[in-house]
């Protein structure tokens, strides 16, 4: 019988370590004998609960706050090298771009569990974004780009998987069902 090395997953991003989904995924991996290493530049999560949270200056500020992830990536490069997969934790939509660059540099697969489809949530559910507005079109284009950079994107349900495919054109073979919990 061949002896296989245990896989190593690099939890990557500005994710919230206390967020239940991140804790469940990490614990589930560890309970299945998968080593988890972390490259985390944790920042205070900002609310997106009202239309005023969606302004251009606030969105740019959110992105700039994540710049410390670059320094953390350089400091923790040995952990990334020892991993097999880079997993972007939640919330991590904006983290996918530096994660993709990191994955390409180190030759790793990139996995993202968005949990929330921002474009649909902000445009349809909360009516914060007008789909035809510049911000609405930017959100849709940006979210489509983010998902296209990943090797695997998780969806909570089969319906969410189909929705992501229809809305963003993500190939169905790149989307895996991962029910919450």
N, C-alpha and C. Protein backbone atom coordinates (compact mmCIF):
# COMPACT_ATOMS: atom_id res chain seq x y z
N UNK A 1 0.83 -1.18 0.00
CA UNK A 1 0.00 0.00 0.00
C UNK A 1 0.88 1.24 0.00
N UNK A 2 0.54 2.19 -0.89
CA UNK A 2 1.32 3.41 -1.02
C UNK A 2 1.02 4.36 0.14
N UNK A 3 2.03 5.03 0.63
CA UNK A 3 1.90 5.96 1.72
C UNK A 3 1.76 7.38 1.16
N UNK A 4 0.60 8.00 1.34
CA UNK A 4 0.36 9.34 0.82
C UNK A 4 0.61 10.37 1.91
N UNK A 5 1.15 11.52 1.48
CA UNK A 5 1.33 12.63 2.42
C UNK A 5 -0.04 13.23 2.75
N UNK A 6 -0.18 13.67 3.97
CA UNK A 6 -1.43 14.31 4.38
C UNK A 6 -1.53 15.67 3.70
N UNK A 7 -2.72 16.02 3.20
CA UNK A 7 -2.86 17.32 2.55
C UNK A 7 -2.74 18.47 3.56
N UNK A 8 -2.31 19.60 3.05
CA UNK A 8 -2.18 20.81 3.86
C UNK A 8 -2.98 21.91 3.17
N UNK A 9 -3.86 22.54 3.93
CA UNK A 9 -4.69 23.62 3.43
C UNK A 9 -4.22 24.92 4.06
N UNK A 10 -4.00 25.94 3.25
CA UNK A 10 -3.64 27.26 3.75
C UNK A 10 -4.90 28.12 3.79
N UNK A 11 -5.39 28.40 5.00
CA UNK A 11 -6.49 29.35 5.19
C UNK A 11 -5.88 30.72 4.97
N UNK A 12 -6.42 31.47 4.03
CA UNK A 12 -5.75 32.68 3.56
C UNK A 12 -6.71 33.87 3.52
N UNK A 13 -6.24 35.02 3.93
CA UNK A 13 -7.01 36.23 3.72
C UNK A 13 -7.15 37.10 4.95
N UNK A 14 -8.11 38.01 4.84
CA UNK A 14 -8.43 38.92 5.93
C UNK A 14 -9.67 38.43 6.66
N UNK A 15 -9.89 37.14 6.62
CA UNK A 15 -11.09 36.53 7.18
C UNK A 15 -11.17 36.71 8.68
N UNK A 16 -12.37 36.59 9.18
CA UNK A 16 -12.66 36.69 10.60
C UNK A 16 -12.55 35.29 11.21
N UNK A 17 -11.55 35.10 12.06
CA UNK A 17 -11.33 33.79 12.68
C UNK A 17 -12.49 33.35 13.57
N UNK A 18 -13.27 34.31 14.06
CA UNK A 18 -14.37 33.96 14.95
C UNK A 18 -15.66 33.66 14.20
N UNK A 19 -15.68 33.88 12.91
CA UNK A 19 -16.89 33.64 12.13
C UNK A 19 -17.18 32.15 12.10
N UNK A 20 -18.42 31.78 12.39
CA UNK A 20 -18.80 30.38 12.55
C UNK A 20 -18.43 29.52 11.35
N UNK A 21 -18.70 29.99 10.16
CA UNK A 21 -18.40 29.19 8.96
C UNK A 21 -16.91 28.89 8.86
N UNK A 22 -16.06 29.87 9.11
CA UNK A 22 -14.62 29.64 9.07
C UNK A 22 -14.20 28.62 10.12
N UNK A 23 -14.76 28.72 11.31
CA UNK A 23 -14.42 27.77 12.37
C UNK A 23 -14.87 26.35 12.01
N UNK A 24 -16.08 26.23 11.43
CA UNK A 24 -16.59 24.91 11.05
C UNK A 24 -15.73 24.27 9.96
N UNK A 25 -15.38 25.03 8.96
CA UNK A 25 -14.55 24.50 7.86
C UNK A 25 -13.19 24.06 8.41
N UNK A 26 -12.57 24.92 9.20
CA UNK A 26 -11.25 24.61 9.75
C UNK A 26 -11.32 23.36 10.63
N UNK A 27 -12.29 23.31 11.52
CA UNK A 27 -12.43 22.16 12.41
C UNK A 27 -12.71 20.88 11.60
N UNK A 28 -13.58 20.99 10.60
CA UNK A 28 -13.89 19.83 9.76
C UNK A 28 -12.68 19.30 9.04
N UNK A 29 -11.85 20.20 8.54
CA UNK A 29 -10.61 19.76 7.87
C UNK A 29 -9.70 19.04 8.87
N UNK A 30 -9.50 19.66 10.03
CA UNK A 30 -8.61 19.07 11.04
C UNK A 30 -9.14 17.73 11.54
N UNK A 31 -10.44 17.61 11.70
CA UNK A 31 -11.02 16.35 12.16
C UNK A 31 -10.88 15.25 11.11
N UNK A 32 -10.64 15.64 9.88
CA UNK A 32 -10.41 14.67 8.80
C UNK A 32 -8.94 14.54 8.48
N UNK A 33 -8.11 14.85 9.47
CA UNK A 33 -6.66 14.65 9.40
C UNK A 33 -5.99 15.48 8.31
N UNK A 34 -6.53 16.67 8.07
CA UNK A 34 -5.94 17.59 7.11
C UNK A 34 -5.31 18.72 7.92
N UNK A 35 -4.04 18.96 7.67
CA UNK A 35 -3.33 20.03 8.37
C UNK A 35 -3.79 21.38 7.81
N UNK A 36 -4.05 22.32 8.72
CA UNK A 36 -4.44 23.67 8.33
C UNK A 36 -3.39 24.64 8.83
N UNK A 37 -2.87 25.45 7.91
CA UNK A 37 -1.98 26.55 8.27
C UNK A 37 -2.72 27.85 7.94
N UNK A 38 -2.34 28.92 8.60
CA UNK A 38 -3.07 30.17 8.40
C UNK A 38 -2.15 31.32 8.00
N UNK A 39 -2.58 32.04 6.97
CA UNK A 39 -1.97 33.30 6.57
C UNK A 39 -3.12 34.30 6.65
N UNK A 40 -3.19 34.99 7.79
CA UNK A 40 -4.34 35.83 8.08
C UNK A 40 -3.90 37.23 8.48
N UNK A 41 -4.45 38.21 7.80
CA UNK A 41 -4.31 39.61 8.20
C UNK A 41 -5.71 40.04 8.61
N UNK A 42 -6.04 39.73 9.85
CA UNK A 42 -7.41 39.97 10.31
C UNK A 42 -7.64 41.46 10.49
N UNK A 43 -8.74 41.92 9.91
CA UNK A 43 -9.14 43.31 10.07
C UNK A 43 -10.58 43.33 10.59
N UNK A 44 -10.96 44.45 11.16
CA UNK A 44 -12.33 44.58 11.65
C UNK A 44 -13.27 44.53 10.45
N UNK A 45 -14.25 43.67 10.54
CA UNK A 45 -15.23 43.53 9.48
C UNK A 45 -16.19 44.72 9.55
N UNK A 46 -16.40 45.34 8.40
CA UNK A 46 -17.32 46.47 8.36
C UNK A 46 -18.69 46.02 7.89
N UNK A 47 -19.69 46.66 8.41
CA UNK A 47 -21.07 46.33 8.05
C UNK A 47 -21.41 46.84 6.65
N UNK A 48 -22.26 46.10 5.99
CA UNK A 48 -22.83 46.51 4.72
C UNK A 48 -24.34 46.35 4.83
N UNK A 49 -24.91 47.06 5.79
CA UNK A 49 -26.31 46.87 6.13
C UNK A 49 -27.25 47.94 5.58
N UNK A 50 -26.67 49.01 5.04
CA UNK A 50 -27.51 50.08 4.52
C UNK A 50 -26.89 50.66 3.25
N UNK A 51 -27.71 51.34 2.51
CA UNK A 51 -27.29 51.88 1.22
C UNK A 51 -26.07 52.79 1.35
N UNK A 52 -25.98 53.55 2.42
CA UNK A 52 -24.85 54.48 2.61
C UNK A 52 -23.52 53.74 2.78
N UNK A 53 -23.55 52.44 3.09
CA UNK A 53 -22.32 51.65 3.20
C UNK A 53 -21.72 51.32 1.84
N UNK A 54 -22.46 51.63 0.77
CA UNK A 54 -22.07 51.20 -0.57
C UNK A 54 -21.40 52.29 -1.40
N UNK A 55 -21.01 53.39 -0.81
CA UNK A 55 -20.39 54.48 -1.57
C UNK A 55 -19.01 54.10 -2.10
N UNK A 56 -18.59 54.81 -3.14
CA UNK A 56 -17.29 54.54 -3.77
C UNK A 56 -16.15 54.68 -2.78
N UNK A 57 -16.13 55.76 -2.00
CA UNK A 57 -15.01 55.98 -1.07
C UNK A 57 -14.96 54.89 0.01
N UNK A 58 -16.10 54.42 0.46
CA UNK A 58 -16.12 53.35 1.47
C UNK A 58 -15.63 52.03 0.88
N UNK A 59 -15.99 51.76 -0.36
CA UNK A 59 -15.54 50.52 -1.01
C UNK A 59 -14.02 50.55 -1.23
N UNK A 60 -13.51 51.68 -1.68
CA UNK A 60 -12.06 51.80 -1.89
C UNK A 60 -11.32 51.67 -0.56
N UNK A 61 -11.85 52.29 0.50
CA UNK A 61 -11.23 52.19 1.82
C UNK A 61 -11.20 50.73 2.30
N UNK A 62 -12.27 49.98 2.05
CA UNK A 62 -12.30 48.56 2.45
C UNK A 62 -11.19 47.78 1.75
N UNK A 63 -11.01 48.05 0.49
CA UNK A 63 -9.96 47.36 -0.28
C UNK A 63 -8.58 47.74 0.24
N UNK A 64 -8.33 49.02 0.47
CA UNK A 64 -7.01 49.48 0.94
C UNK A 64 -6.65 48.90 2.31
N UNK A 65 -7.66 48.72 3.17
CA UNK A 65 -7.40 48.15 4.50
C UNK A 65 -6.84 46.73 4.41
N UNK A 66 -7.08 46.07 3.32
CA UNK A 66 -6.65 44.69 3.15
C UNK A 66 -5.20 44.58 2.66
N UNK A 67 -4.55 45.70 2.40
CA UNK A 67 -3.19 45.70 1.86
C UNK A 67 -2.19 44.98 2.77
N UNK A 68 -2.45 44.95 4.07
CA UNK A 68 -1.56 44.25 4.99
C UNK A 68 -1.45 42.76 4.69
N UNK A 69 -2.38 42.25 3.91
CA UNK A 69 -2.32 40.84 3.51
C UNK A 69 -1.08 40.56 2.67
N UNK A 70 -0.62 41.54 1.93
CA UNK A 70 0.59 41.36 1.11
C UNK A 70 1.79 41.13 2.02
N UNK A 71 1.93 41.96 3.05
CA UNK A 71 3.04 41.80 4.00
C UNK A 71 2.95 40.45 4.70
N UNK A 72 1.74 40.07 5.10
CA UNK A 72 1.54 38.78 5.79
C UNK A 72 1.90 37.62 4.85
N UNK A 73 1.58 37.74 3.58
CA UNK A 73 1.91 36.71 2.61
C UNK A 73 3.43 36.53 2.50
N UNK A 74 4.14 37.63 2.45
CA UNK A 74 5.61 37.56 2.37
C UNK A 74 6.19 36.95 3.64
N UNK A 75 5.69 37.38 4.80
CA UNK A 75 6.19 36.85 6.08
C UNK A 75 5.91 35.36 6.22
N UNK A 76 4.76 34.91 5.71
CA UNK A 76 4.33 33.52 5.92
C UNK A 76 4.53 32.65 4.68
N UNK A 77 5.42 33.03 3.78
CA UNK A 77 5.59 32.30 2.51
C UNK A 77 5.96 30.83 2.70
N UNK A 78 6.66 30.50 3.76
CA UNK A 78 7.01 29.09 4.00
C UNK A 78 5.76 28.25 4.26
N UNK A 79 4.79 28.82 4.97
CA UNK A 79 3.53 28.10 5.20
C UNK A 79 2.79 27.88 3.88
N UNK A 80 2.83 28.88 3.03
CA UNK A 80 2.16 28.74 1.73
C UNK A 80 2.86 27.67 0.90
N UNK A 81 4.18 27.67 0.93
CA UNK A 81 4.95 26.67 0.17
C UNK A 81 4.62 25.25 0.60
N UNK A 82 4.38 25.04 1.89
CA UNK A 82 4.12 23.68 2.38
C UNK A 82 2.68 23.23 2.14
N UNK A 83 1.82 24.16 1.70
CA UNK A 83 0.42 23.81 1.50
C UNK A 83 0.16 23.25 0.10
N UNK A 84 -0.98 22.59 -0.02
CA UNK A 84 -1.42 22.05 -1.31
C UNK A 84 -2.48 22.94 -1.95
N UNK A 85 -3.26 23.61 -1.10
CA UNK A 85 -4.40 24.41 -1.56
C UNK A 85 -4.45 25.69 -0.75
N UNK A 86 -4.83 26.77 -1.42
CA UNK A 86 -5.10 28.03 -0.73
C UNK A 86 -6.61 28.17 -0.67
N UNK A 87 -7.13 28.30 0.55
CA UNK A 87 -8.56 28.43 0.79
C UNK A 87 -8.81 29.84 1.33
N UNK A 88 -9.61 30.62 0.62
CA UNK A 88 -9.92 31.98 1.06
C UNK A 88 -11.13 31.93 2.00
N UNK A 89 -10.90 32.40 3.23
CA UNK A 89 -11.95 32.40 4.24
C UNK A 89 -12.91 33.57 4.06
N UNK A 90 -14.02 33.53 4.82
CA UNK A 90 -15.06 34.55 4.72
C UNK A 90 -14.85 35.63 5.76
N UNK A 91 -15.11 36.90 5.45
CA UNK A 91 -15.40 37.41 4.12
C UNK A 91 -14.10 37.58 3.34
N UNK A 92 -14.11 37.20 2.10
CA UNK A 92 -12.86 37.20 1.36
C UNK A 92 -12.96 37.52 -0.11
N UNK A 93 -14.06 38.10 -0.56
CA UNK A 93 -14.20 38.39 -1.98
C UNK A 93 -13.00 39.18 -2.51
N UNK A 94 -12.63 40.27 -1.80
CA UNK A 94 -11.51 41.08 -2.26
C UNK A 94 -10.17 40.38 -2.07
N UNK A 95 -10.12 39.37 -1.21
CA UNK A 95 -8.88 38.64 -0.95
C UNK A 95 -8.54 37.65 -2.07
N UNK A 96 -9.50 37.34 -2.91
CA UNK A 96 -9.27 36.35 -3.96
C UNK A 96 -8.19 36.82 -4.94
N UNK A 97 -8.12 38.11 -5.22
CA UNK A 97 -7.13 38.59 -6.19
C UNK A 97 -5.70 38.38 -5.67
N UNK A 98 -5.34 38.83 -4.45
CA UNK A 98 -3.99 38.50 -3.98
C UNK A 98 -3.80 37.00 -3.76
N UNK A 99 -4.87 36.28 -3.42
CA UNK A 99 -4.77 34.83 -3.26
C UNK A 99 -4.46 34.17 -4.60
N UNK A 100 -5.07 34.66 -5.67
CA UNK A 100 -4.83 34.11 -7.01
C UNK A 100 -3.37 34.34 -7.42
N UNK A 101 -2.87 35.55 -7.18
CA UNK A 101 -1.46 35.85 -7.49
C UNK A 101 -0.55 34.92 -6.69
N UNK A 102 -0.85 34.78 -5.41
CA UNK A 102 -0.06 33.89 -4.53
C UNK A 102 -0.13 32.45 -5.03
N UNK A 103 -1.33 32.00 -5.40
CA UNK A 103 -1.49 30.62 -5.89
C UNK A 103 -0.68 30.41 -7.17
N UNK A 104 -0.66 31.39 -8.04
CA UNK A 104 0.11 31.26 -9.29
C UNK A 104 1.61 31.23 -8.99
N UNK A 105 2.07 32.09 -8.12
CA UNK A 105 3.50 32.13 -7.78
C UNK A 105 3.95 30.81 -7.18
N UNK A 106 3.14 30.24 -6.28
CA UNK A 106 3.53 29.03 -5.56
C UNK A 106 2.99 27.75 -6.19
N UNK A 107 2.25 27.84 -7.27
CA UNK A 107 1.73 26.66 -7.95
C UNK A 107 0.69 25.90 -7.13
N UNK A 108 -0.23 26.64 -6.51
CA UNK A 108 -1.26 26.03 -5.65
C UNK A 108 -2.64 26.19 -6.29
N UNK A 109 -3.57 25.33 -5.88
CA UNK A 109 -4.96 25.46 -6.27
C UNK A 109 -5.62 26.51 -5.37
N UNK A 110 -6.62 27.20 -5.92
CA UNK A 110 -7.31 28.25 -5.18
C UNK A 110 -8.78 27.90 -5.02
N UNK A 111 -9.24 27.90 -3.77
CA UNK A 111 -10.62 27.55 -3.43
C UNK A 111 -11.23 28.72 -2.65
N UNK A 112 -12.48 29.05 -2.99
CA UNK A 112 -13.16 30.15 -2.32
C UNK A 112 -14.58 29.75 -1.95
N UNK A 113 -14.96 30.07 -0.73
CA UNK A 113 -16.32 29.84 -0.25
C UNK A 113 -16.94 31.20 0.02
N UNK A 114 -17.64 31.79 -0.97
CA UNK A 114 -18.13 33.16 -0.79
C UNK A 114 -19.23 33.30 0.25
N UNK A 115 -20.00 32.26 0.51
CA UNK A 115 -21.15 32.27 1.42
C UNK A 115 -22.24 33.24 0.97
N UNK A 116 -21.86 34.41 0.50
CA UNK A 116 -22.80 35.42 0.08
C UNK A 116 -22.48 35.84 -1.35
N UNK A 117 -23.51 35.92 -2.17
CA UNK A 117 -23.34 36.50 -3.50
C UNK A 117 -23.70 37.97 -3.35
N UNK A 118 -22.69 38.82 -3.27
CA UNK A 118 -22.92 40.23 -2.98
C UNK A 118 -23.80 40.91 -4.01
N UNK A 119 -23.55 40.66 -5.27
CA UNK A 119 -24.32 41.33 -6.32
C UNK A 119 -25.81 41.07 -6.15
N UNK A 120 -26.19 39.83 -6.01
CA UNK A 120 -27.59 39.48 -5.83
C UNK A 120 -28.13 40.03 -4.52
N UNK A 121 -27.37 39.88 -3.46
CA UNK A 121 -27.82 40.36 -2.15
C UNK A 121 -28.05 41.86 -2.13
N UNK A 122 -27.11 42.61 -2.68
CA UNK A 122 -27.23 44.06 -2.64
C UNK A 122 -28.21 44.61 -3.66
N UNK A 123 -28.32 43.97 -4.82
CA UNK A 123 -29.21 44.47 -5.88
C UNK A 123 -30.64 43.96 -5.71
N UNK A 124 -30.80 42.69 -5.43
CA UNK A 124 -32.14 42.09 -5.38
C UNK A 124 -32.72 42.05 -3.97
N UNK A 125 -31.96 41.52 -3.03
CA UNK A 125 -32.49 41.31 -1.68
C UNK A 125 -32.65 42.61 -0.89
N UNK A 126 -31.62 43.48 -0.93
CA UNK A 126 -31.65 44.69 -0.11
C UNK A 126 -31.93 45.96 -0.90
N UNK A 127 -31.84 45.86 -2.21
CA UNK A 127 -32.08 47.01 -3.09
C UNK A 127 -31.12 48.17 -2.80
N UNK A 128 -29.88 47.85 -2.39
CA UNK A 128 -28.85 48.87 -2.16
C UNK A 128 -28.24 49.32 -3.48
N UNK A 129 -28.19 48.41 -4.44
CA UNK A 129 -27.57 48.68 -5.73
C UNK A 129 -28.62 48.64 -6.83
N UNK A 130 -28.50 49.54 -7.75
CA UNK A 130 -29.30 49.47 -8.97
C UNK A 130 -28.45 48.72 -9.98
N UNK A 131 -29.00 47.65 -10.55
CA UNK A 131 -28.23 46.80 -11.47
C UNK A 131 -27.62 47.58 -12.62
N UNK A 132 -28.32 48.60 -13.12
CA UNK A 132 -27.83 49.35 -14.27
C UNK A 132 -26.89 50.49 -13.88
N UNK A 133 -26.67 50.71 -12.58
CA UNK A 133 -25.77 51.78 -12.14
C UNK A 133 -24.32 51.35 -12.34
N UNK A 134 -23.42 52.33 -12.32
CA UNK A 134 -21.99 52.03 -12.46
C UNK A 134 -21.53 51.09 -11.34
N UNK A 135 -21.98 51.36 -10.11
CA UNK A 135 -21.58 50.50 -8.98
C UNK A 135 -22.17 49.10 -9.15
N UNK A 136 -23.42 49.01 -9.59
CA UNK A 136 -24.05 47.70 -9.81
C UNK A 136 -23.32 46.89 -10.86
N UNK A 137 -22.99 47.53 -11.98
CA UNK A 137 -22.26 46.81 -13.04
C UNK A 137 -20.86 46.43 -12.59
N UNK A 138 -20.22 47.32 -11.81
CA UNK A 138 -18.88 47.01 -11.28
C UNK A 138 -18.95 45.81 -10.34
N UNK A 139 -19.96 45.75 -9.46
CA UNK A 139 -20.11 44.61 -8.56
C UNK A 139 -20.28 43.31 -9.33
N UNK A 140 -21.14 43.34 -10.34
CA UNK A 140 -21.37 42.11 -11.11
C UNK A 140 -20.10 41.69 -11.84
N UNK A 141 -19.43 42.63 -12.50
CA UNK A 141 -18.19 42.32 -13.21
C UNK A 141 -17.13 41.82 -12.23
N UNK A 142 -16.98 42.53 -11.10
CA UNK A 142 -15.96 42.16 -10.12
C UNK A 142 -16.20 40.80 -9.51
N UNK A 143 -17.45 40.52 -9.19
CA UNK A 143 -17.75 39.21 -8.60
C UNK A 143 -17.54 38.10 -9.62
N UNK A 144 -17.88 38.37 -10.87
CA UNK A 144 -17.63 37.40 -11.94
C UNK A 144 -16.13 37.13 -12.08
N UNK A 145 -15.33 38.18 -12.05
CA UNK A 145 -13.88 38.04 -12.14
C UNK A 145 -13.34 37.22 -10.98
N UNK A 146 -13.79 37.54 -9.78
CA UNK A 146 -13.33 36.84 -8.57
C UNK A 146 -13.59 35.34 -8.69
N UNK A 147 -14.79 34.96 -9.08
CA UNK A 147 -15.13 33.55 -9.18
C UNK A 147 -14.34 32.87 -10.31
N UNK A 148 -14.09 33.60 -11.39
CA UNK A 148 -13.37 33.00 -12.52
C UNK A 148 -11.91 32.71 -12.19
N UNK A 149 -11.35 33.43 -11.23
CA UNK A 149 -9.95 33.22 -10.85
C UNK A 149 -9.75 31.95 -10.02
N UNK A 150 -10.81 31.46 -9.42
CA UNK A 150 -10.73 30.31 -8.52
C UNK A 150 -10.75 28.99 -9.29
N UNK A 151 -10.07 28.00 -8.73
CA UNK A 151 -10.15 26.64 -9.27
C UNK A 151 -11.46 25.99 -8.85
N UNK A 152 -11.89 26.28 -7.61
CA UNK A 152 -13.15 25.77 -7.09
C UNK A 152 -13.84 26.88 -6.32
N UNK A 153 -15.14 27.03 -6.53
CA UNK A 153 -15.98 27.95 -5.77
C UNK A 153 -17.06 27.10 -5.12
N UNK A 154 -17.29 27.34 -3.83
CA UNK A 154 -18.33 26.61 -3.12
C UNK A 154 -19.66 27.34 -3.21
N UNK A 155 -20.73 26.56 -3.27
CA UNK A 155 -22.10 27.07 -3.21
C UNK A 155 -22.81 26.33 -2.09
N UNK A 156 -23.72 27.02 -1.41
CA UNK A 156 -24.43 26.43 -0.27
C UNK A 156 -25.43 25.37 -0.70
N UNK A 157 -26.02 25.56 -1.88
CA UNK A 157 -27.07 24.66 -2.35
C UNK A 157 -26.92 24.44 -3.85
N UNK A 158 -27.61 23.45 -4.36
CA UNK A 158 -27.64 23.21 -5.80
C UNK A 158 -28.25 24.41 -6.53
N UNK A 159 -29.27 25.03 -5.94
CA UNK A 159 -29.88 26.21 -6.57
C UNK A 159 -28.90 27.38 -6.63
N UNK A 160 -28.11 27.58 -5.57
CA UNK A 160 -27.12 28.64 -5.59
C UNK A 160 -26.05 28.34 -6.65
N UNK A 161 -25.69 27.09 -6.80
CA UNK A 161 -24.73 26.69 -7.82
C UNK A 161 -25.25 27.05 -9.21
N UNK A 162 -26.50 26.72 -9.49
CA UNK A 162 -27.11 27.03 -10.79
C UNK A 162 -27.19 28.55 -10.99
N UNK A 163 -27.54 29.27 -9.93
CA UNK A 163 -27.64 30.73 -9.99
C UNK A 163 -26.29 31.35 -10.33
N UNK A 164 -25.24 30.90 -9.68
CA UNK A 164 -23.89 31.42 -9.94
C UNK A 164 -23.47 31.14 -11.38
N UNK A 165 -23.83 29.97 -11.85
CA UNK A 165 -23.52 29.61 -13.24
C UNK A 165 -24.24 30.53 -14.22
N UNK A 166 -25.54 30.72 -14.01
CA UNK A 166 -26.33 31.57 -14.91
C UNK A 166 -25.89 33.03 -14.85
N UNK A 167 -25.70 33.55 -13.65
CA UNK A 167 -25.44 34.97 -13.47
C UNK A 167 -24.01 35.36 -13.85
N UNK A 168 -23.05 34.54 -13.48
CA UNK A 168 -21.64 34.91 -13.67
C UNK A 168 -20.92 34.08 -14.73
N UNK A 169 -21.59 33.06 -15.27
CA UNK A 169 -20.96 32.24 -16.30
C UNK A 169 -19.87 31.32 -15.79
N UNK A 170 -19.90 31.00 -14.52
CA UNK A 170 -18.90 30.09 -13.95
C UNK A 170 -19.23 28.68 -14.45
N UNK A 171 -18.25 27.98 -15.00
CA UNK A 171 -18.53 26.59 -15.42
C UNK A 171 -19.00 25.75 -14.24
N UNK A 172 -20.00 24.93 -14.47
CA UNK A 172 -20.57 24.11 -13.39
C UNK A 172 -19.53 23.20 -12.75
N UNK A 173 -18.53 22.78 -13.51
CA UNK A 173 -17.52 21.87 -12.94
C UNK A 173 -16.56 22.59 -11.99
N UNK A 174 -16.62 23.94 -11.92
CA UNK A 174 -15.81 24.70 -10.98
C UNK A 174 -16.56 25.00 -9.68
N UNK A 175 -17.86 24.70 -9.66
CA UNK A 175 -18.67 25.02 -8.47
C UNK A 175 -19.02 23.71 -7.77
N UNK A 176 -18.70 23.65 -6.49
CA UNK A 176 -19.00 22.48 -5.67
C UNK A 176 -20.02 22.84 -4.60
N UNK A 177 -20.95 21.94 -4.36
CA UNK A 177 -21.92 22.12 -3.27
C UNK A 177 -21.24 21.87 -1.94
N UNK A 178 -21.40 22.81 -1.03
CA UNK A 178 -20.91 22.66 0.33
C UNK A 178 -21.96 23.27 1.27
N UNK A 179 -22.92 22.43 1.69
CA UNK A 179 -23.99 22.97 2.56
C UNK A 179 -23.41 23.59 3.83
N UNK A 180 -24.03 24.66 4.27
CA UNK A 180 -23.60 25.35 5.50
C UNK A 180 -23.70 24.37 6.66
N UNK A 181 -22.64 24.34 7.48
CA UNK A 181 -22.65 23.48 8.67
C UNK A 181 -22.16 22.11 8.37
